[in-house]
C-alpha atoms as a PDB file:
ATOM      1  CA  MET A   1      -0.030  -0.443  -0.017  1.00  0.00           C
ATOM      2  CA  GLU A   2       0.721   3.213  -0.623  1.00  0.00           C
ATOM      3  CA  SER A   3       2.287   5.298   2.177  1.00  0.00           C
ATOM      4  CA  ASN A   4       1.683   8.829   0.807  1.00  0.00           C
ATOM      5  CA  ILE A   5      -1.547   9.704   0.024  1.00  0.00           C
ATOM      6  CA  ASP A   6      -2.577  12.645  -1.716  1.00  0.00           C
ATOM      7  CA  LEU A   7      -6.092  13.677  -0.346  1.00  0.00           C
ATOM      8  CA  HIS A   8      -6.509  16.729  -3.247  1.00  0.00           C
ATOM      9  CA  GLU A   9      -5.985  13.903  -5.547  1.00  0.00           C
ATOM     10  CA  MET A  10      -8.714  12.025  -4.142  1.00  0.00           C
ATOM     11  CA  ASP A  11     -11.016  14.855  -3.383  1.00  0.00           C
ATOM     12  CA  ALA A  12     -10.817  15.499  -6.681  1.00  0.00           C
ATOM     13  CA  MET A  13     -11.517  11.756  -8.237  1.00  0.00           C
ATOM     14  CA  VAL A  14     -14.512  11.749  -5.838  1.00  0.00           C
ATOM     15  CA  ARG A  15     -15.700  14.715  -7.608  1.00  0.00           C
ATOM     16  CA  ARG A  16     -15.298  13.471 -11.239  1.00  0.00           C
ATOM     17  CA  ILE A  17     -17.268  10.298  -9.661  1.00  0.00           C
ATOM     18  CA  GLN A  18     -19.784  12.840  -8.970  1.00  0.00           C
ATOM     19  CA  LEU A  19     -20.077  14.483 -11.901  1.00  0.00           C
ATOM     20  CA  ALA A  20     -20.285  11.234 -13.611  1.00  0.00           C
ATOM     21  CA  ALA A  21     -23.136  10.316 -12.042  1.00  0.00           C
ATOM     22  CA  GLU A  22     -24.884  13.146 -11.785  1.00  0.00           C
ATOM     23  CA  ARG A  23     -24.619  13.054 -15.550  1.00  0.00           C
ATOM     24  CA  LEU A  24     -25.637   9.362 -15.587  1.00  0.00           C
ATOM     25  CA  ASN A  25     -29.245  10.207 -13.587  1.00  0.00           C
ATOM     26  CA  ARG A  26     -30.073  12.951 -16.146  1.00  0.00           C
ATOM     27  CA  LEU A  27     -29.090  10.621 -19.228  1.00  0.00           C
ATOM     28  CA  GLY A  28     -31.059   7.650 -17.227  1.00  0.00           C
ATOM     29  CA  GLU A  29     -34.487   9.745 -17.793  1.00  0.00           C
ATOM     30  CA  LYS A  30     -36.183   7.379 -19.741  1.00  0.00           C
ATOM     31  CA  PHE A  31     -34.345   4.313 -18.356  1.00  0.00           C
ATOM     32  CA  PRO A  32     -35.084   4.554 -14.394  1.00  0.00           C
ATOM     33  CA  THR A  33     -32.856   1.642 -13.046  1.00  0.00           C
ATOM     34  CA  LEU A  34     -30.125   3.897 -14.281  1.00  0.00           C
ATOM     35  CA  ALA A  35     -31.592   6.945 -12.529  1.00  0.00           C
ATOM     36  CA  LYS A  36     -32.201   4.591  -9.450  1.00  0.00           C
ATOM     37  CA  ASN A  37     -28.514   2.733  -9.198  1.00  0.00           C
ATOM     38  CA  SER A  38     -26.728   6.095 -10.118  1.00  0.00           C
ATOM     39  CA  LEU A  39     -28.748   7.913  -7.357  1.00  0.00           C
ATOM     40  CA  HIS A  40     -26.609   4.946  -4.884  1.00  0.00           C
ATOM     41  CA  VAL A  41     -23.447   6.076  -6.337  1.00  0.00           C
ATOM     42  CA  LEU A  42     -24.524   9.485  -5.875  1.00  0.00           C
ATOM     43  CA  THR A  43     -24.913   8.383  -1.791  1.00  0.00           C
ATOM     44  CA  SER A  44     -21.273   6.686  -2.062  1.00  0.00           C
ATOM     45  CA  ALA A  45     -19.597   9.323  -3.347  1.00  0.00           C
ATOM     46  CA  LYS A  46     -20.883  11.699  -0.854  1.00  0.00           C
ATOM     47  CA  THR A  47     -20.285   9.274   1.966  1.00  0.00           C
ATOM     48  CA  LEU A  48     -16.357   9.182   0.256  1.00  0.00           C
ATOM     49  CA  GLU A  49     -16.660  13.415   0.094  1.00  0.00           C
ATOM     50  CA  LEU A  50     -17.471  13.517   3.566  1.00  0.00           C
ATOM     51  CA  ASN A  51     -14.668  11.098   4.710  1.00  0.00           C
ATOM     52  CA  ILE A  52     -11.954  12.549   2.481  1.00  0.00           C
ATOM     53  CA  ASP A  53     -13.434  15.952   3.413  1.00  0.00           C
ATOM     54  CA  ASP A  54     -12.540  15.526   7.467  1.00  0.00           C
ATOM     55  CA  LEU A  55      -8.986  13.608   6.208  1.00  0.00           C
ATOM     56  CA  LEU A  56      -8.216  16.808   4.916  1.00  0.00           C
ATOM     57  CA  HIS A  57      -9.831  19.613   7.731  1.00  0.00           C
ATOM     58  CA  LEU A  58      -7.320  16.952  10.208  1.00  0.00           C
ATOM     59  CA  ASP A  59      -4.497  17.316   7.553  1.00  0.00           C
ATOM     60  CA  ASP A  60      -4.885  21.107   7.969  1.00  0.00           C
ATOM     61  CA  ALA A  61      -5.278  21.087  11.571  1.00  0.00           C
ATOM     62  CA  LYS A  62      -1.877  18.786  12.064  1.00  0.00           C
ATOM     63  CA  GLY A  63      -0.341  21.500   9.984  1.00  0.00           C
ATOM     64  CA  ALA A  64      -1.377  25.114  11.920  1.00  0.00           C
ATOM     65  CA  ASN A  65      -0.473  23.105  15.167  1.00  0.00           C
ATOM     66  CA  VAL A  66       3.178  22.324  13.554  1.00  0.00           C
ATOM     67  CA  ALA A  67       3.707  26.151  13.204  1.00  0.00           C
END
């Protein structure tokens, strides 16, 4: 496992997932299963976003305490 984790890269990846799921949801307007499943992806992406956001704030707080 990689020891250096780039939280900002992870955050950007989650945002790309969210954008793709939102687009799938719009495209699935006439395909209810796709629309429903894209909402599940959005829910999971939101959880990832919150997890990463917590880590980013923790990382920022550590940096502030070191100074």
